[in-house]
N, C-alpha and C. Protein backbone atom coordinates (compact mmCIF):
# COMPACT_ATOMS: atom_id res chain seq x y z
N UNK A 1 -17.03 12.87 -32.81
CA UNK A 1 -16.61 12.25 -34.05
C UNK A 1 -15.62 11.13 -33.74
N UNK A 2 -15.84 9.98 -34.32
CA UNK A 2 -14.98 8.83 -34.09
C UNK A 2 -13.81 8.89 -35.07
N UNK A 3 -12.63 8.74 -34.52
CA UNK A 3 -11.41 8.81 -35.32
C UNK A 3 -11.19 7.48 -36.05
N UNK A 4 -10.84 7.57 -37.30
CA UNK A 4 -10.54 6.37 -38.09
C UNK A 4 -9.18 5.84 -37.68
N UNK A 5 -9.07 4.53 -37.50
CA UNK A 5 -7.75 3.95 -37.18
C UNK A 5 -6.78 4.15 -38.34
N UNK A 6 -5.52 4.34 -37.99
CA UNK A 6 -4.50 4.56 -39.00
C UNK A 6 -4.12 3.24 -39.68
N UNK A 7 -3.35 3.39 -40.73
CA UNK A 7 -2.86 2.20 -41.44
C UNK A 7 -1.94 1.39 -40.52
N UNK A 8 -1.15 2.08 -39.68
CA UNK A 8 -0.27 1.39 -38.72
C UNK A 8 -1.09 0.51 -37.78
N UNK A 9 -2.20 1.05 -37.27
CA UNK A 9 -3.03 0.29 -36.35
C UNK A 9 -3.63 -0.92 -37.05
N UNK A 10 -4.11 -0.73 -38.27
CA UNK A 10 -4.70 -1.84 -39.02
C UNK A 10 -3.68 -2.95 -39.24
N UNK A 11 -2.47 -2.57 -39.65
CA UNK A 11 -1.41 -3.55 -39.88
C UNK A 11 -1.03 -4.26 -38.60
N UNK A 12 -0.85 -3.50 -37.53
CA UNK A 12 -0.49 -4.09 -36.23
C UNK A 12 -1.59 -5.01 -35.72
N UNK A 13 -2.83 -4.59 -35.88
CA UNK A 13 -3.96 -5.39 -35.44
C UNK A 13 -4.04 -6.70 -36.23
N UNK A 14 -3.77 -6.63 -37.52
CA UNK A 14 -3.75 -7.84 -38.35
C UNK A 14 -2.63 -8.78 -37.90
N UNK A 15 -1.48 -8.22 -37.55
CA UNK A 15 -0.37 -9.03 -37.07
C UNK A 15 -0.73 -9.73 -35.77
N UNK A 16 -1.40 -9.02 -34.87
CA UNK A 16 -1.83 -9.62 -33.60
C UNK A 16 -2.83 -10.74 -33.88
N UNK A 17 -3.74 -10.52 -34.82
CA UNK A 17 -4.73 -11.56 -35.16
C UNK A 17 -4.04 -12.81 -35.71
N UNK A 18 -3.01 -12.61 -36.54
CA UNK A 18 -2.26 -13.76 -37.06
C UNK A 18 -1.52 -14.49 -35.94
N UNK A 19 -0.97 -13.72 -35.01
CA UNK A 19 -0.30 -14.33 -33.85
C UNK A 19 -1.29 -15.14 -33.02
N UNK A 20 -2.49 -14.59 -32.81
CA UNK A 20 -3.49 -15.31 -32.03
C UNK A 20 -3.88 -16.62 -32.71
N UNK A 21 -3.90 -16.62 -34.04
CA UNK A 21 -4.25 -17.83 -34.77
C UNK A 21 -3.14 -18.87 -34.72
N UNK A 22 -1.88 -18.42 -34.61
CA UNK A 22 -0.77 -19.36 -34.68
C UNK A 22 -0.25 -19.80 -33.31
N UNK A 23 -0.59 -19.06 -32.25
CA UNK A 23 -0.07 -19.39 -30.92
C UNK A 23 -1.08 -20.20 -30.13
N UNK A 24 -0.59 -20.90 -29.14
CA UNK A 24 -1.46 -21.65 -28.23
C UNK A 24 -2.14 -20.68 -27.26
N UNK A 25 -3.26 -21.10 -26.65
CA UNK A 25 -3.92 -20.23 -25.68
C UNK A 25 -2.99 -19.81 -24.53
N UNK A 26 -2.10 -20.69 -24.14
CA UNK A 26 -1.14 -20.37 -23.07
C UNK A 26 -0.20 -19.25 -23.51
N UNK A 27 0.27 -19.33 -24.76
CA UNK A 27 1.17 -18.29 -25.28
C UNK A 27 0.43 -16.97 -25.49
N UNK A 28 -0.83 -17.03 -25.91
CA UNK A 28 -1.62 -15.81 -26.08
C UNK A 28 -1.75 -15.08 -24.75
N UNK A 29 -1.99 -15.85 -23.71
CA UNK A 29 -2.09 -15.26 -22.38
C UNK A 29 -0.73 -14.74 -21.91
N UNK A 30 0.32 -15.50 -22.19
CA UNK A 30 1.68 -15.11 -21.78
C UNK A 30 2.07 -13.77 -22.40
N UNK A 31 1.79 -13.61 -23.68
CA UNK A 31 2.17 -12.39 -24.39
C UNK A 31 1.13 -11.27 -24.24
N UNK A 32 0.05 -11.53 -23.53
CA UNK A 32 -1.00 -10.54 -23.25
C UNK A 32 -1.50 -9.88 -24.54
N UNK A 33 -1.84 -10.70 -25.52
CA UNK A 33 -2.22 -10.18 -26.83
C UNK A 33 -3.55 -9.43 -26.81
N UNK A 34 -4.48 -9.86 -25.97
CA UNK A 34 -5.76 -9.16 -25.91
C UNK A 34 -5.57 -7.74 -25.36
N UNK A 35 -4.71 -7.62 -24.36
CA UNK A 35 -4.42 -6.31 -23.80
C UNK A 35 -3.59 -5.48 -24.78
N UNK A 36 -2.73 -6.15 -25.53
CA UNK A 36 -1.89 -5.47 -26.52
C UNK A 36 -2.75 -4.72 -27.54
N UNK A 37 -3.88 -5.31 -27.93
CA UNK A 37 -4.76 -4.63 -28.88
C UNK A 37 -5.22 -3.27 -28.35
N UNK A 38 -5.55 -3.22 -27.08
CA UNK A 38 -5.98 -1.96 -26.47
C UNK A 38 -4.83 -0.97 -26.41
N UNK A 39 -3.64 -1.45 -26.07
CA UNK A 39 -2.46 -0.58 -26.03
C UNK A 39 -2.18 -0.03 -27.42
N UNK A 40 -2.29 -0.87 -28.44
CA UNK A 40 -2.07 -0.42 -29.81
C UNK A 40 -3.08 0.66 -30.20
N UNK A 41 -4.34 0.47 -29.81
CA UNK A 41 -5.37 1.45 -30.13
C UNK A 41 -5.06 2.79 -29.47
N UNK A 42 -4.68 2.75 -28.20
CA UNK A 42 -4.37 4.00 -27.50
C UNK A 42 -3.12 4.66 -28.09
N UNK A 43 -2.12 3.87 -28.43
CA UNK A 43 -0.91 4.41 -29.06
C UNK A 43 -1.25 5.07 -30.39
N UNK A 44 -2.20 4.49 -31.10
CA UNK A 44 -2.62 5.06 -32.38
C UNK A 44 -3.31 6.39 -32.18
N UNK A 45 -4.16 6.47 -31.16
CA UNK A 45 -4.90 7.71 -30.95
C UNK A 45 -4.02 8.86 -30.46
N UNK A 46 -2.96 8.54 -29.71
CA UNK A 46 -2.07 9.60 -29.22
C UNK A 46 -0.82 9.77 -30.09
N UNK A 47 -0.55 8.84 -30.98
CA UNK A 47 0.70 8.81 -31.74
C UNK A 47 0.93 9.98 -32.66
N UNK A 48 -0.14 10.62 -33.11
CA UNK A 48 0.02 11.73 -34.04
C UNK A 48 0.60 12.97 -33.36
N UNK A 49 0.30 13.13 -32.06
CA UNK A 49 0.69 14.35 -31.36
C UNK A 49 1.79 14.15 -30.33
N UNK A 50 2.22 12.93 -30.11
CA UNK A 50 3.17 12.63 -29.04
C UNK A 50 4.39 11.90 -29.62
N UNK A 51 5.56 12.49 -29.44
CA UNK A 51 6.78 11.88 -29.97
C UNK A 51 7.07 10.54 -29.31
N UNK A 52 6.83 10.44 -27.99
CA UNK A 52 7.09 9.18 -27.29
C UNK A 52 6.16 8.08 -27.78
N UNK A 53 4.89 8.40 -28.02
CA UNK A 53 3.96 7.39 -28.54
C UNK A 53 4.40 6.93 -29.92
N UNK A 54 4.88 7.86 -30.72
CA UNK A 54 5.38 7.51 -32.05
C UNK A 54 6.57 6.57 -31.95
N UNK A 55 7.46 6.84 -30.99
CA UNK A 55 8.62 5.97 -30.78
C UNK A 55 8.17 4.57 -30.33
N UNK A 56 7.20 4.52 -29.42
CA UNK A 56 6.70 3.23 -28.96
C UNK A 56 5.98 2.48 -30.07
N UNK A 57 5.34 3.20 -30.96
CA UNK A 57 4.68 2.55 -32.09
C UNK A 57 5.70 1.80 -32.94
N UNK A 58 6.82 2.44 -33.21
CA UNK A 58 7.86 1.78 -34.02
C UNK A 58 8.45 0.58 -33.26
N UNK A 59 8.66 0.75 -31.96
CA UNK A 59 9.23 -0.34 -31.16
C UNK A 59 8.26 -1.52 -31.09
N UNK A 60 6.96 -1.24 -30.92
CA UNK A 60 5.98 -2.32 -30.87
C UNK A 60 5.87 -3.04 -32.21
N UNK A 61 5.99 -2.30 -33.29
CA UNK A 61 5.98 -2.92 -34.62
C UNK A 61 7.15 -3.90 -34.77
N UNK A 62 8.32 -3.47 -34.33
CA UNK A 62 9.50 -4.35 -34.40
C UNK A 62 9.31 -5.58 -33.51
N UNK A 63 8.75 -5.38 -32.33
CA UNK A 63 8.53 -6.51 -31.42
C UNK A 63 7.52 -7.50 -32.00
N UNK A 64 6.48 -6.99 -32.63
CA UNK A 64 5.49 -7.88 -33.24
C UNK A 64 6.10 -8.70 -34.37
N UNK A 65 7.01 -8.09 -35.12
CA UNK A 65 7.68 -8.84 -36.19
C UNK A 65 8.55 -9.95 -35.62
N UNK A 66 9.24 -9.67 -34.51
CA UNK A 66 10.09 -10.72 -33.91
C UNK A 66 9.24 -11.82 -33.28
N UNK A 67 8.06 -11.48 -32.75
CA UNK A 67 7.19 -12.52 -32.20
C UNK A 67 6.64 -13.42 -33.30
N UNK A 68 6.50 -12.86 -34.50
CA UNK A 68 5.99 -13.65 -35.62
C UNK A 68 7.00 -14.69 -36.09
N UNK A 69 8.28 -14.41 -35.83
CA UNK A 69 9.33 -15.35 -36.24
C UNK A 69 9.43 -16.48 -35.23
N UNK A 70 9.60 -17.68 -35.73
CA UNK A 70 9.76 -18.84 -34.84
C UNK A 70 11.19 -19.32 -34.94
N UNK A 71 11.82 -19.77 -33.92
CA UNK A 71 11.42 -19.70 -32.52
C UNK A 71 11.74 -18.32 -31.94
N UNK A 72 11.01 -17.95 -30.91
CA UNK A 72 11.22 -16.67 -30.22
C UNK A 72 12.28 -16.88 -29.15
N UNK A 73 13.33 -16.07 -29.19
CA UNK A 73 14.41 -16.22 -28.21
C UNK A 73 14.04 -15.50 -26.91
N UNK A 74 14.80 -15.81 -25.87
CA UNK A 74 14.59 -15.18 -24.57
C UNK A 74 14.80 -13.66 -24.67
N UNK A 75 15.79 -13.23 -25.44
CA UNK A 75 16.06 -11.80 -25.62
C UNK A 75 14.90 -11.10 -26.32
N UNK A 76 14.30 -11.79 -27.31
CA UNK A 76 13.15 -11.21 -28.01
C UNK A 76 11.97 -11.04 -27.06
N UNK A 77 11.75 -12.04 -26.21
CA UNK A 77 10.66 -11.96 -25.24
C UNK A 77 10.89 -10.81 -24.26
N UNK A 78 12.12 -10.69 -23.77
CA UNK A 78 12.44 -9.62 -22.83
C UNK A 78 12.24 -8.26 -23.48
N UNK A 79 12.66 -8.13 -24.72
CA UNK A 79 12.50 -6.88 -25.45
C UNK A 79 11.02 -6.54 -25.63
N UNK A 80 10.23 -7.56 -25.97
CA UNK A 80 8.79 -7.37 -26.14
C UNK A 80 8.14 -6.89 -24.84
N UNK A 81 8.41 -7.59 -23.74
CA UNK A 81 7.79 -7.22 -22.47
C UNK A 81 8.27 -5.85 -21.97
N UNK A 82 9.55 -5.55 -22.17
CA UNK A 82 10.06 -4.23 -21.78
C UNK A 82 9.39 -3.12 -22.59
N UNK A 83 9.22 -3.35 -23.88
CA UNK A 83 8.58 -2.35 -24.74
C UNK A 83 7.12 -2.18 -24.37
N UNK A 84 6.42 -3.30 -24.16
CA UNK A 84 5.01 -3.24 -23.80
C UNK A 84 4.82 -2.53 -22.45
N UNK A 85 5.64 -2.89 -21.48
CA UNK A 85 5.54 -2.25 -20.16
C UNK A 85 5.89 -0.77 -20.24
N UNK A 86 6.89 -0.43 -21.04
CA UNK A 86 7.25 0.98 -21.22
C UNK A 86 6.12 1.76 -21.86
N UNK A 87 5.47 1.16 -22.86
CA UNK A 87 4.35 1.84 -23.52
C UNK A 87 3.20 2.05 -22.55
N UNK A 88 2.91 1.05 -21.73
CA UNK A 88 1.83 1.17 -20.76
C UNK A 88 2.16 2.24 -19.72
N UNK A 89 3.39 2.24 -19.22
CA UNK A 89 3.80 3.27 -18.26
C UNK A 89 3.69 4.66 -18.85
N UNK A 90 4.09 4.78 -20.10
CA UNK A 90 3.98 6.08 -20.79
C UNK A 90 2.51 6.52 -20.87
N UNK A 91 1.63 5.59 -21.25
CA UNK A 91 0.21 5.93 -21.35
C UNK A 91 -0.37 6.32 -19.99
N UNK A 92 0.10 5.64 -18.94
CA UNK A 92 -0.39 5.95 -17.59
C UNK A 92 0.13 7.31 -17.12
N UNK A 93 1.41 7.55 -17.29
CA UNK A 93 2.02 8.76 -16.74
C UNK A 93 1.72 10.01 -17.56
N UNK A 94 1.89 9.94 -18.86
CA UNK A 94 1.75 11.14 -19.68
C UNK A 94 0.31 11.41 -20.09
N UNK A 95 -0.44 10.34 -20.40
CA UNK A 95 -1.79 10.52 -20.93
C UNK A 95 -2.88 10.21 -19.91
N UNK A 96 -2.47 9.88 -18.69
CA UNK A 96 -3.40 9.66 -17.56
C UNK A 96 -4.43 8.56 -17.83
N UNK A 97 -3.99 7.48 -18.48
CA UNK A 97 -4.86 6.33 -18.70
C UNK A 97 -4.69 5.34 -17.55
N UNK A 98 -5.70 4.52 -17.33
CA UNK A 98 -5.65 3.56 -16.23
C UNK A 98 -5.81 2.14 -16.76
N UNK A 99 -5.01 1.21 -16.23
CA UNK A 99 -5.18 -0.19 -16.62
C UNK A 99 -6.42 -0.77 -15.95
N UNK A 100 -6.94 -1.87 -16.47
CA UNK A 100 -8.15 -2.45 -15.88
C UNK A 100 -7.92 -2.89 -14.45
N UNK A 101 -8.85 -2.56 -13.57
CA UNK A 101 -8.80 -2.98 -12.19
C UNK A 101 -7.95 -2.12 -11.27
N UNK A 102 -7.32 -1.09 -11.79
CA UNK A 102 -6.45 -0.26 -10.95
C UNK A 102 -7.24 0.44 -9.84
N UNK A 103 -8.36 1.02 -10.19
CA UNK A 103 -9.16 1.73 -9.19
C UNK A 103 -9.75 0.76 -8.16
N UNK A 104 -10.13 -0.42 -8.59
CA UNK A 104 -10.66 -1.41 -7.65
C UNK A 104 -9.60 -1.76 -6.62
N UNK A 105 -8.38 -1.99 -7.07
CA UNK A 105 -7.30 -2.33 -6.14
C UNK A 105 -7.02 -1.23 -5.14
N UNK A 106 -6.98 -0.01 -5.61
CA UNK A 106 -6.70 1.12 -4.73
C UNK A 106 -7.82 1.30 -3.71
N UNK A 107 -9.06 1.30 -4.20
CA UNK A 107 -10.19 1.54 -3.30
C UNK A 107 -10.47 0.36 -2.40
N UNK A 108 -10.14 -0.84 -2.83
CA UNK A 108 -10.29 -2.00 -1.96
C UNK A 108 -9.36 -1.88 -0.75
N UNK A 109 -8.12 -1.47 -1.01
CA UNK A 109 -7.16 -1.29 0.09
C UNK A 109 -7.62 -0.17 1.02
N UNK A 110 -8.07 0.94 0.45
CA UNK A 110 -8.56 2.05 1.28
C UNK A 110 -9.80 1.63 2.09
N UNK A 111 -10.70 0.90 1.45
CA UNK A 111 -11.91 0.45 2.14
C UNK A 111 -11.57 -0.49 3.28
N UNK A 112 -10.57 -1.33 3.08
CA UNK A 112 -10.15 -2.26 4.13
C UNK A 112 -9.60 -1.50 5.33
N UNK A 113 -8.79 -0.49 5.09
CA UNK A 113 -8.23 0.30 6.18
C UNK A 113 -9.32 1.08 6.91
N UNK A 114 -10.17 1.73 6.13
CA UNK A 114 -11.26 2.50 6.75
C UNK A 114 -12.22 1.57 7.49
N UNK A 115 -12.50 0.41 6.89
CA UNK A 115 -13.38 -0.56 7.53
C UNK A 115 -12.80 -1.09 8.83
N UNK A 116 -11.50 -1.31 8.88
CA UNK A 116 -10.87 -1.76 10.13
C UNK A 116 -10.99 -0.69 11.20
N UNK A 117 -10.80 0.56 10.82
CA UNK A 117 -10.98 1.65 11.78
C UNK A 117 -12.42 1.75 12.25
N UNK A 118 -13.35 1.60 11.33
CA UNK A 118 -14.76 1.63 11.67
C UNK A 118 -15.12 0.47 12.59
N UNK A 119 -14.57 -0.71 12.27
CA UNK A 119 -14.81 -1.88 13.10
C UNK A 119 -14.27 -1.70 14.51
N UNK A 120 -13.13 -1.05 14.63
CA UNK A 120 -12.55 -0.78 15.94
C UNK A 120 -13.44 0.16 16.75
N UNK A 121 -13.93 1.20 16.09
CA UNK A 121 -14.80 2.17 16.76
C UNK A 121 -16.12 1.52 17.17
N UNK A 122 -16.67 0.67 16.32
CA UNK A 122 -17.96 0.02 16.59
C UNK A 122 -17.81 -1.25 17.43
N UNK A 123 -16.59 -1.62 17.75
CA UNK A 123 -16.30 -2.86 18.50
C UNK A 123 -16.80 -4.10 17.78
N UNK A 124 -16.81 -4.06 16.44
CA UNK A 124 -17.19 -5.22 15.64
C UNK A 124 -16.33 -5.22 14.38
N UNK A 125 -15.14 -5.80 14.52
CA UNK A 125 -14.17 -5.77 13.42
C UNK A 125 -14.71 -6.42 12.15
N UNK A 126 -15.38 -7.55 12.27
CA UNK A 126 -15.87 -8.27 11.09
C UNK A 126 -16.84 -7.40 10.29
N UNK A 127 -17.76 -6.76 10.95
CA UNK A 127 -18.73 -5.91 10.24
C UNK A 127 -18.04 -4.70 9.62
N UNK A 128 -17.12 -4.09 10.36
CA UNK A 128 -16.42 -2.92 9.84
C UNK A 128 -15.60 -3.25 8.61
N UNK A 129 -14.88 -4.37 8.66
CA UNK A 129 -14.06 -4.77 7.51
C UNK A 129 -14.95 -5.12 6.32
N UNK A 130 -16.05 -5.82 6.58
CA UNK A 130 -16.97 -6.17 5.49
C UNK A 130 -17.54 -4.91 4.83
N UNK A 131 -17.93 -3.96 5.64
CA UNK A 131 -18.47 -2.69 5.09
C UNK A 131 -17.39 -1.97 4.28
N UNK A 132 -16.17 -1.94 4.80
CA UNK A 132 -15.07 -1.29 4.10
C UNK A 132 -14.74 -1.95 2.77
N UNK A 133 -14.70 -3.28 2.75
CA UNK A 133 -14.38 -4.00 1.51
C UNK A 133 -15.47 -3.78 0.47
N UNK A 134 -16.72 -3.90 0.88
CA UNK A 134 -17.82 -3.70 -0.07
C UNK A 134 -17.82 -2.28 -0.61
N UNK A 135 -17.62 -1.31 0.26
CA UNK A 135 -17.57 0.09 -0.17
C UNK A 135 -16.42 0.33 -1.14
N UNK A 136 -15.24 -0.22 -0.83
CA UNK A 136 -14.09 -0.07 -1.70
C UNK A 136 -14.31 -0.70 -3.07
N UNK A 137 -14.91 -1.89 -3.10
CA UNK A 137 -15.19 -2.56 -4.37
C UNK A 137 -16.19 -1.76 -5.21
N UNK A 138 -17.21 -1.23 -4.57
CA UNK A 138 -18.22 -0.46 -5.30
C UNK A 138 -17.62 0.82 -5.87
N UNK A 139 -16.93 1.58 -5.04
CA UNK A 139 -16.34 2.85 -5.52
C UNK A 139 -15.31 2.58 -6.61
N UNK A 140 -14.42 1.61 -6.39
CA UNK A 140 -13.40 1.28 -7.39
C UNK A 140 -14.02 0.81 -8.70
N UNK A 141 -15.05 -0.02 -8.61
CA UNK A 141 -15.72 -0.50 -9.81
C UNK A 141 -16.36 0.63 -10.59
N UNK A 142 -17.01 1.54 -9.87
CA UNK A 142 -17.64 2.69 -10.53
C UNK A 142 -16.59 3.55 -11.23
N UNK A 143 -15.46 3.78 -10.58
CA UNK A 143 -14.39 4.59 -11.18
C UNK A 143 -13.77 3.89 -12.39
N UNK A 144 -13.61 2.56 -12.33
CA UNK A 144 -13.08 1.81 -13.48
C UNK A 144 -14.04 1.88 -14.66
N UNK A 145 -15.33 1.73 -14.40
CA UNK A 145 -16.32 1.81 -15.48
C UNK A 145 -16.33 3.21 -16.07
N UNK A 146 -16.26 4.23 -15.22
CA UNK A 146 -16.25 5.61 -15.71
C UNK A 146 -15.01 5.88 -16.57
N UNK A 147 -13.86 5.37 -16.14
CA UNK A 147 -12.63 5.57 -16.92
C UNK A 147 -12.75 4.91 -18.29
N UNK A 148 -13.32 3.71 -18.34
CA UNK A 148 -13.49 3.01 -19.61
C UNK A 148 -14.44 3.78 -20.52
N UNK A 149 -15.56 4.28 -19.96
CA UNK A 149 -16.53 5.02 -20.77
C UNK A 149 -15.95 6.32 -21.30
N UNK A 150 -15.05 6.95 -20.54
CA UNK A 150 -14.43 8.19 -20.96
C UNK A 150 -13.24 7.97 -21.89
N UNK A 151 -12.93 6.71 -22.17
CA UNK A 151 -11.81 6.40 -23.06
C UNK A 151 -10.46 6.53 -22.39
N UNK A 152 -10.43 6.47 -21.06
CA UNK A 152 -9.16 6.58 -20.33
C UNK A 152 -8.65 5.22 -19.89
N UNK A 153 -9.22 4.15 -20.39
CA UNK A 153 -8.78 2.81 -20.01
C UNK A 153 -7.79 2.25 -21.00
N UNK A 154 -6.87 1.45 -20.47
CA UNK A 154 -5.91 0.78 -21.35
C UNK A 154 -6.43 -0.61 -21.60
């Protein structure tokens, strides 16, 4: 059964849409508004049962209101980024969600190390590293796709 978004999520999502319409593409990227939508959705789904998510929901609402005001001060930006990063860390640590590309990065590094060892054993470093990188990218990509399909992605 698909959960209906709350009124808080609808309001926050509308605020983000208004921000996207009023900000330049550079500012949209700077404030990570596309990613913010996903964070808001996850906060909404966990917010009913988690006190910390509820606290972050209120903090994100306040940050969105300050971003809507022009001009945005340096303190407002710092507060926004601290709140957003705190919310993401909370989702990662408590609710075991993964940001996009996390598994690819981890498995790419592991594949590189294993590939270097394999290359040393086979006396062909280039082939070993290539095999390790490709293997790491494939495994990491599969795990990222699986996390997204299971709803564990931020």
